[in-house]
Amino acid sequence: MNRKDFLKRLSLASIGLSLPTAQIFKNTALAKDLSDCVLIPTETAGPFPLDLSATIYYFRQDVREDRAGVQLNVKMKILGLANCLPMPNVRVNIWHCDKDGNYSGYGTQAGLTYLRGYQMTDVNGEADFITIFPGWYPGRVCHIHFQVHVSSAYSVVSQFTFDHNSVNAVYAAHTDIYTKGADPLTPQTDNIFANGYQYQLATLSPNADTGGYNAYIEVTVQGAGTVGLGHTENETAKNMQLGQNYPNPFTAVTTIPLALTLASQVTVELWNQSGKKVAAINKGWLPAGNHTLDIDLAALGLPRASYAYQVQATNENGVFTDCKMMTLLH
């Protein structure tokens, strides 16, 4: 299966601060506690959404492309409201403006794809991105848009922001990059967040390794695990049921459970978080019933990382695929 088809299936399936660092960032430490198992508010997708699943460009961890800005490492943890546990194997999209307030894909930026991307959550329900700290534009505070796409029948679109003093401290520390100066609005005066934003407040802390920052937010969505399957998932379930690999995480060999309703030609593909297919394993024709597919990632010479594994089953009813995440440790 080529990259475009894989991505289609995925879519279905600080230095120099004017105040002491501890004082600047102390308020943002509250964000994690406040967001535990409270349903994330739904917000507008904004004036500049794109269908991230419709192109081959967006399955990637590093979304910066050529955009200048201070590096921001974003970690998002997705929790299910029903049991307050992490939700693996859901798609998380992010998109935001550049340092000057511009969005790719529109107006003078038409045809560009910077600062957009998606990942799937790992066994801990986490998705990681490498981006730049966003700028601001008139009428909106600094923010990042995101979508948690649980299935073709259910997704949540929202936004997150940061402690406002911390945001302006970042701008003040990097005036050579963020030339527009301090953000004149606050979350309280931004209409999008006017009804409250405590569950949309990400932590922000300096990253000594990059000279940039780390952001972290926990997002609670409906369900416990996957919920509300749509037509594509239902049709796949009639022909194959893909299980979570075990053990997970693992150090060399892992096993993928697979149940087939009909005899099928089965292939397994592994994709890294930059959207590159790194392995394709033909399992041949397998009879109807329950199967265990052993995968030796150490023998494949793959580095420690999380990988999307996609299983494709071809039978008399058609071609059916499903995918999940696995994590290789060394």
Protein backbone atom coordinates (compact mmCIF):
# COMPACT_ATOMS: atom_id res chain seq x y z
CA MET A 1 0.00 0.00 0.00
CA ASN A 2 1.35 3.44 -0.90
CA ARG A 3 1.73 6.35 1.49
CA LYS A 4 -1.38 8.14 0.27
CA ASP A 5 -3.59 5.11 0.90
CA PHE A 6 -2.00 4.57 4.30
CA LEU A 7 -2.69 8.15 5.31
CA LYS A 8 -6.26 7.85 4.11
CA ARG A 9 -6.71 4.85 6.37
CA LEU A 10 -5.15 6.66 9.28
CA SER A 11 -7.71 9.38 8.84
CA LEU A 12 -10.38 6.75 9.33
CA ALA A 13 -8.82 4.62 11.84
CA SER A 14 13.81 29.81 28.42
CA ILE A 15 16.74 32.02 28.43
CA GLY A 16 16.68 35.79 28.90
CA LEU A 17 13.25 36.14 30.49
CA SER A 18 12.57 39.45 32.15
CA LEU A 19 11.18 37.60 35.21
CA PRO A 20 12.63 34.53 36.95
CA THR A 21 11.73 31.33 35.15
CA ALA A 22 9.99 29.78 38.15
CA GLN A 23 7.74 32.82 38.52
CA ILE A 24 6.92 33.06 34.83
CA PHE A 25 5.86 29.45 34.51
CA LYS A 26 4.46 28.64 37.95
CA ASN A 27 0.80 29.23 37.03
CA THR A 28 0.89 26.84 34.11
CA ALA A 29 1.64 23.91 36.42
CA LEU A 30 -2.05 23.94 37.34
CA ALA A 31 -3.17 22.95 33.86
CA LYS A 32 -2.62 19.22 34.24
CA ASP A 33 -4.63 18.93 37.46
CA LEU A 34 -7.49 21.00 36.11
CA SER A 35 -7.88 19.02 32.91
CA ASP A 36 -8.02 15.50 34.37
CA CYS A 37 -11.16 13.78 33.13
CA VAL A 38 -13.22 16.88 32.37
CA LEU A 39 -14.63 16.89 28.87
CA ILE A 40 -12.67 19.30 26.67
CA PRO A 41 -14.80 22.21 25.44
CA THR A 42 -15.54 22.17 21.74
CA GLU A 43 -14.43 25.26 19.85
CA THR A 44 -14.63 26.53 16.31
CA ALA A 45 -12.17 25.00 13.89
CA GLY A 46 -11.17 28.57 13.09
CA PRO A 47 -11.07 30.37 9.77
CA PHE A 48 -8.22 28.28 8.40
CA PRO A 49 -8.84 24.53 8.80
CA LEU A 50 -7.70 22.08 6.16
CA ASP A 51 -8.56 18.42 5.88
CA LEU A 52 -5.28 17.08 7.17
CA SER A 53 -6.16 13.55 6.09
CA ALA A 54 -6.69 14.53 2.45
CA THR A 55 -3.04 14.93 1.54
CA ILE A 56 0.10 12.86 1.80
CA TYR A 57 2.02 15.62 3.61
CA TYR A 58 0.61 15.77 7.09
CA PHE A 59 1.42 12.48 8.85
CA ARG A 60 4.54 13.82 10.54
CA GLN A 61 5.87 14.76 13.93
CA ASP A 62 7.91 17.80 12.87
CA VAL A 63 5.55 20.32 11.26
CA ARG A 64 7.88 23.33 11.04
CA GLU A 65 9.06 23.16 7.43
CA ASP A 66 10.73 26.53 6.74
CA ARG A 67 9.02 28.57 9.46
CA ALA A 68 11.24 30.70 11.67
CA GLY A 69 10.47 30.63 15.36
CA VAL A 70 11.46 29.30 18.74
CA GLN A 71 11.14 25.52 18.90
CA LEU A 72 8.11 24.22 20.77
CA ASN A 73 7.78 20.53 21.63
CA VAL A 74 4.12 19.69 22.16
CA LYS A 75 2.90 16.61 23.99
CA MET A 76 -0.84 15.89 24.08
CA LYS A 77 -2.30 13.12 26.22
CA ILE A 78 -5.79 11.89 25.30
CA LEU A 79 -8.02 10.47 28.04
CA GLY A 80 -11.41 8.75 27.87
CA LEU A 81 -14.13 10.35 29.97
CA ALA A 82 -15.74 7.04 30.94
CA ASN A 83 -12.74 5.65 32.82
CA CYS A 84 -10.15 8.47 32.82
CA LEU A 85 -7.62 6.18 31.14
CA PRO A 86 -5.34 6.93 28.18
CA MET A 87 -6.75 6.36 24.71
CA PRO A 88 -4.22 4.79 22.32
CA ASN A 89 -4.53 4.68 18.53
CA VAL A 90 -6.55 7.84 18.03
CA ARG A 91 -5.51 10.50 15.53
CA VAL A 92 -4.52 13.95 16.78
CA ASN A 93 -4.30 16.86 14.34
CA ILE A 94 -2.75 20.24 15.12
CA TRP A 95 -2.53 23.44 13.11
CA HIS A 96 -1.60 27.02 14.02
CA CYS A 97 -0.25 30.31 12.68
CA ASP A 98 3.40 31.19 12.23
CA LYS A 99 5.31 33.85 14.18
CA ASP A 100 3.61 36.62 12.17
CA GLY A 101 0.07 35.29 12.47
CA ASN A 102 -0.16 33.65 9.04
CA TYR A 103 -1.74 30.26 8.32
CA SER A 104 -0.57 28.00 5.52
CA GLY A 105 -3.00 27.13 2.76
CA TYR A 106 -4.82 30.45 2.44
CA GLY A 107 -4.43 33.83 0.74
CA THR A 108 -0.80 34.58 0.01
CA GLN A 109 0.08 31.27 1.72
CA ALA A 110 -2.08 29.15 -0.62
CA GLY A 111 -0.41 25.87 -1.54
CA LEU A 112 1.85 25.89 1.52
CA THR A 113 1.60 23.25 4.26
CA TYR A 114 3.67 24.52 7.19
CA LEU A 115 2.58 24.11 10.84
CA ARG A 116 0.05 21.39 10.15
CA GLY A 117 0.27 17.72 10.93
CA TYR A 118 -1.10 14.73 12.72
CA GLN A 119 0.07 11.77 14.77
CA MET A 120 -1.56 8.75 16.35
CA THR A 121 -1.48 8.35 20.11
CA ASP A 122 0.83 5.70 21.56
CA VAL A 123 0.20 3.16 24.32
CA ASN A 124 0.21 6.01 26.86
CA GLY A 125 -2.40 7.96 24.89
CA GLU A 126 0.23 10.53 23.92
CA ALA A 127 1.02 12.27 20.65
CA ASP A 128 4.14 14.41 20.20
CA PHE A 129 4.82 17.27 17.80
CA ILE A 130 7.79 19.51 17.04
CA THR A 131 6.71 22.98 15.98
CA ILE A 132 7.43 26.65 16.70
CA PHE A 133 5.89 28.89 19.31
CA PRO A 134 2.93 30.57 17.58
CA GLY A 135 2.60 34.28 17.09
CA TRP A 136 -0.66 36.19 17.41
CA TYR A 137 -2.93 38.13 15.11
CA PRO A 138 -5.60 40.81 15.70
CA GLY A 139 -8.60 39.51 17.62
CA ARG A 140 -6.98 36.30 18.88
CA VAL A 141 -4.53 35.41 21.61
CA CYS A 142 -1.72 32.95 20.99
CA HIS A 143 -3.32 29.51 20.48
CA ILE A 144 -3.03 26.14 18.77
CA HIS A 145 -5.93 24.37 17.08
CA PHE A 146 -6.36 20.63 17.43
CA GLN A 147 -8.70 17.81 16.54
CA VAL A 148 -8.95 14.46 18.29
CA HIS A 149 -10.32 12.07 15.68
CA VAL A 150 -11.52 8.97 17.52
CA SER A 151 -13.39 7.39 14.61
CA SER A 152 -15.15 8.37 11.40
CA ALA A 153 -18.27 8.93 13.52
CA TYR A 154 -16.77 11.01 16.34
CA SER A 155 -14.13 13.70 16.67
CA VAL A 156 -13.55 16.76 18.83
CA VAL A 157 -12.24 20.09 17.56
CA SER A 158 -10.85 22.53 20.10
CA GLN A 159 -7.96 24.88 20.86
CA PHE A 160 -5.42 25.36 23.63
CA THR A 161 -3.50 28.37 24.88
CA PHE A 162 -0.97 29.17 27.62
CA ASP A 163 -0.61 31.35 30.69
CA HIS A 164 -0.64 34.86 29.22
CA ASN A 165 2.36 36.20 31.17
CA SER A 166 4.37 33.21 29.97
CA VAL A 167 3.40 33.89 26.37
CA ASN A 168 4.53 37.51 26.50
CA ALA A 169 7.71 36.47 28.30
CA VAL A 170 8.55 34.26 25.33
CA TYR A 171 7.95 37.13 22.92
CA ALA A 172 10.03 39.50 25.08
CA ALA A 173 12.91 37.03 25.20
CA HIS A 174 12.98 36.70 21.40
CA THR A 175 12.21 40.13 19.99
CA ASP A 176 14.44 39.46 17.00
CA ILE A 177 11.97 36.76 15.90
CA TYR A 178 8.63 37.91 17.29
CA THR A 179 8.76 41.46 15.98
CA LYS A 180 5.08 42.29 16.64
CA GLY A 181 5.78 42.49 20.36
CA ALA A 182 3.51 41.51 23.22
CA ASP A 183 0.11 39.96 22.65
CA PRO A 184 -2.38 42.76 23.46
CA LEU A 185 -5.26 40.41 24.27
CA THR A 186 -5.65 37.93 27.12
CA PRO A 187 -7.58 34.66 27.08
CA GLN A 188 -10.28 36.39 29.12
CA THR A 189 -10.75 39.03 26.40
CA ASP A 190 -10.57 36.57 23.50
CA ASN A 191 -14.14 35.72 22.47
CA ILE A 192 -13.23 32.09 21.77
CA PHE A 193 -12.12 31.55 25.37
CA ALA A 194 -14.59 34.00 26.94
CA ASN A 195 -16.66 31.16 28.44
CA GLY A 196 -13.65 29.75 30.28
CA TYR A 197 -10.39 28.16 29.26
CA GLN A 198 -9.06 26.36 32.33
CA TYR A 199 -9.29 22.98 30.61
CA GLN A 200 -7.58 24.39 27.50
CA LEU A 201 -4.51 25.71 29.28
CA ALA A 202 -1.30 23.91 28.38
CA THR A 203 1.75 23.95 30.61
CA LEU A 204 4.80 25.75 29.25
CA SER A 205 8.34 25.14 30.44
CA PRO A 206 11.85 25.83 29.07
CA ASN A 207 13.63 23.06 27.20
CA ALA A 208 17.34 23.18 28.04
CA ASP A 209 18.30 20.91 25.14
CA THR A 210 16.71 22.95 22.35
CA GLY A 211 16.72 26.44 23.86
CA GLY A 212 12.99 26.45 23.23
CA TYR A 213 10.01 25.23 25.22
CA ASN A 214 7.90 22.21 26.10
CA ALA A 215 4.11 22.30 26.12
CA TYR A 216 1.89 19.67 27.70
CA ILE A 217 -1.87 19.29 27.85
CA GLU A 218 -4.27 16.51 28.75
CA VAL A 219 -7.45 16.33 26.69
CA THR A 220 -10.50 14.33 27.73
CA VAL A 221 -12.92 13.12 25.08
CA GLN A 222 -16.03 10.98 25.12
CA GLY A 223 -15.60 7.24 25.51
CA ALA A 224 -13.16 4.70 26.85
CA GLY A 225 -11.08 3.42 24.01
CA THR A 226 -12.63 3.72 20.59
CA VAL A 227 -16.30 4.68 20.47
CA GLY A 228 -19.05 5.31 17.96
CA LEU A 229 -17.73 3.35 15.00
CA GLY A 230 -18.66 4.69 11.60
CA HIS A 231 -19.42 2.87 8.36
CA THR A 232 -15.81 2.22 7.37
CA GLU A 233 -14.92 0.75 10.75
CA ASN A 234 -18.09 -1.36 10.79
CA GLU A 235 -17.37 -2.83 7.36
CA THR A 236 -13.80 -3.61 8.39
CA ALA A 237 -15.04 -5.28 11.59
CA LYS A 238 -17.18 -7.65 9.52
CA ASN A 239 -14.05 -8.97 7.83
CA MET A 240 -11.17 -8.52 10.29
CA GLN A 241 -10.53 -7.50 13.88
CA LEU A 242 -7.09 -6.13 14.61
CA GLY A 243 -5.90 -6.34 18.21
CA GLN A 244 -3.31 -4.37 20.16
CA ASN A 245 0.15 -5.85 19.93
CA TYR A 246 1.59 -7.46 23.05
CA PRO A 247 3.77 -6.88 24.87
CA ASN A 248 3.64 -3.16 24.32
CA PRO A 249 6.06 -1.48 24.78
CA PHE A 250 8.55 -4.21 23.86
CA THR A 251 12.28 -4.66 23.26
CA ALA A 252 12.55 -6.87 20.19
CA VAL A 253 9.64 -9.15 19.27
CA THR A 254 5.96 -8.39 19.62
CA THR A 255 2.78 -10.22 18.63
CA ILE A 256 -0.17 -8.75 16.72
CA PRO A 257 -3.52 -10.50 17.27
CA LEU A 258 -5.70 -10.75 14.18
CA ALA A 259 -9.09 -12.38 13.64
CA LEU A 260 -10.32 -13.06 10.10
CA THR A 261 -13.92 -13.75 9.16
CA LEU A 262 -12.88 -15.12 5.75
CA ALA A 263 -9.66 -16.51 4.34
CA SER A 264 -7.59 -13.50 3.35
CA GLN A 265 -4.28 -12.38 1.91
CA VAL A 266 -2.59 -10.54 4.79
CA THR A 267 0.20 -7.97 4.80
CA VAL A 268 1.67 -5.96 7.68
CA GLU A 269 3.19 -2.53 7.13
CA LEU A 270 5.17 -0.43 9.61
CA TRP A 271 5.30 3.36 9.32
CA ASN A 272 7.45 5.76 11.32
CA GLN A 273 6.21 9.03 12.78
CA SER A 274 7.50 10.99 9.80
CA GLY A 275 5.04 9.11 7.58
CA LYS A 276 7.62 6.84 5.93
CA LYS A 277 6.93 3.16 5.40
CA VAL A 278 9.86 1.31 6.97
CA ALA A 279 8.78 -2.31 6.53
CA ALA A 280 6.28 -4.44 4.61
CA ILE A 281 5.76 -8.06 5.63
CA ASN A 282 3.72 -10.45 3.51
CA LYS A 283 1.99 -13.05 5.68
CA GLY A 284 0.39 -14.81 2.72
CA TRP A 285 -3.04 -16.42 2.72
CA LEU A 286 -4.42 -17.08 6.18
CA PRO A 287 -7.59 -19.07 6.90
CA ALA A 288 -10.60 -17.69 8.74
CA GLY A 289 -10.10 -17.66 12.50
CA ASN A 290 -7.78 -16.23 15.10
CA HIS A 291 -4.12 -15.61 14.30
CA THR A 292 -1.03 -14.23 16.03
CA LEU A 293 1.47 -12.38 13.86
CA ASP A 294 4.96 -12.24 15.36
CA ILE A 295 6.99 -9.18 14.34
CA ASP A 296 10.72 -8.88 15.11
CA LEU A 297 11.53 -5.18 14.88
CA ALA A 298 15.06 -5.74 16.17
CA ALA A 299 15.76 -8.04 13.21
CA LEU A 300 14.41 -5.33 10.92
CA GLY A 301 17.03 -2.94 12.32
CA LEU A 302 14.50 -0.32 13.38
CA PRO A 303 15.46 2.24 16.05
CA ARG A 304 13.67 2.83 19.32
CA ALA A 305 10.46 4.70 18.51
CA SER A 306 6.74 4.37 18.18
CA TYR A 307 5.45 2.96 14.90
CA ALA A 308 2.06 2.72 13.27
CA TYR A 309 1.35 -0.85 12.24
CA GLN A 310 -1.22 -1.41 9.54
CA VAL A 311 -2.67 -4.77 8.64
CA GLN A 312 -4.36 -5.24 5.28
CA ALA A 313 -6.64 -8.19 4.57
CA THR A 314 -7.80 -8.89 1.02
CA ASN A 315 -10.66 -11.36 0.48
CA GLU A 316 -13.67 -11.93 -1.72
CA ASN A 317 -15.44 -8.95 -0.14
CA GLY A 318 -12.68 -6.45 -0.91
CA VAL A 319 -9.67 -4.86 0.79
CA PHE A 320 -9.84 -4.01 4.48
CA THR A 321 -7.27 -2.29 6.65
CA ASP A 322 -6.87 -1.22 10.24
CA CYS A 323 -3.94 0.30 12.12
CA LYS A 324 -2.69 0.86 15.66
CA MET A 325 0.47 2.09 17.38
CA MET A 326 3.31 0.06 18.88
CA THR A 327 6.36 1.23 20.83
CA LEU A 328 9.81 -0.35 20.48
CA LEU A 329 12.23 0.01 23.39
CA HIS A 330 15.93 -0.90 23.48
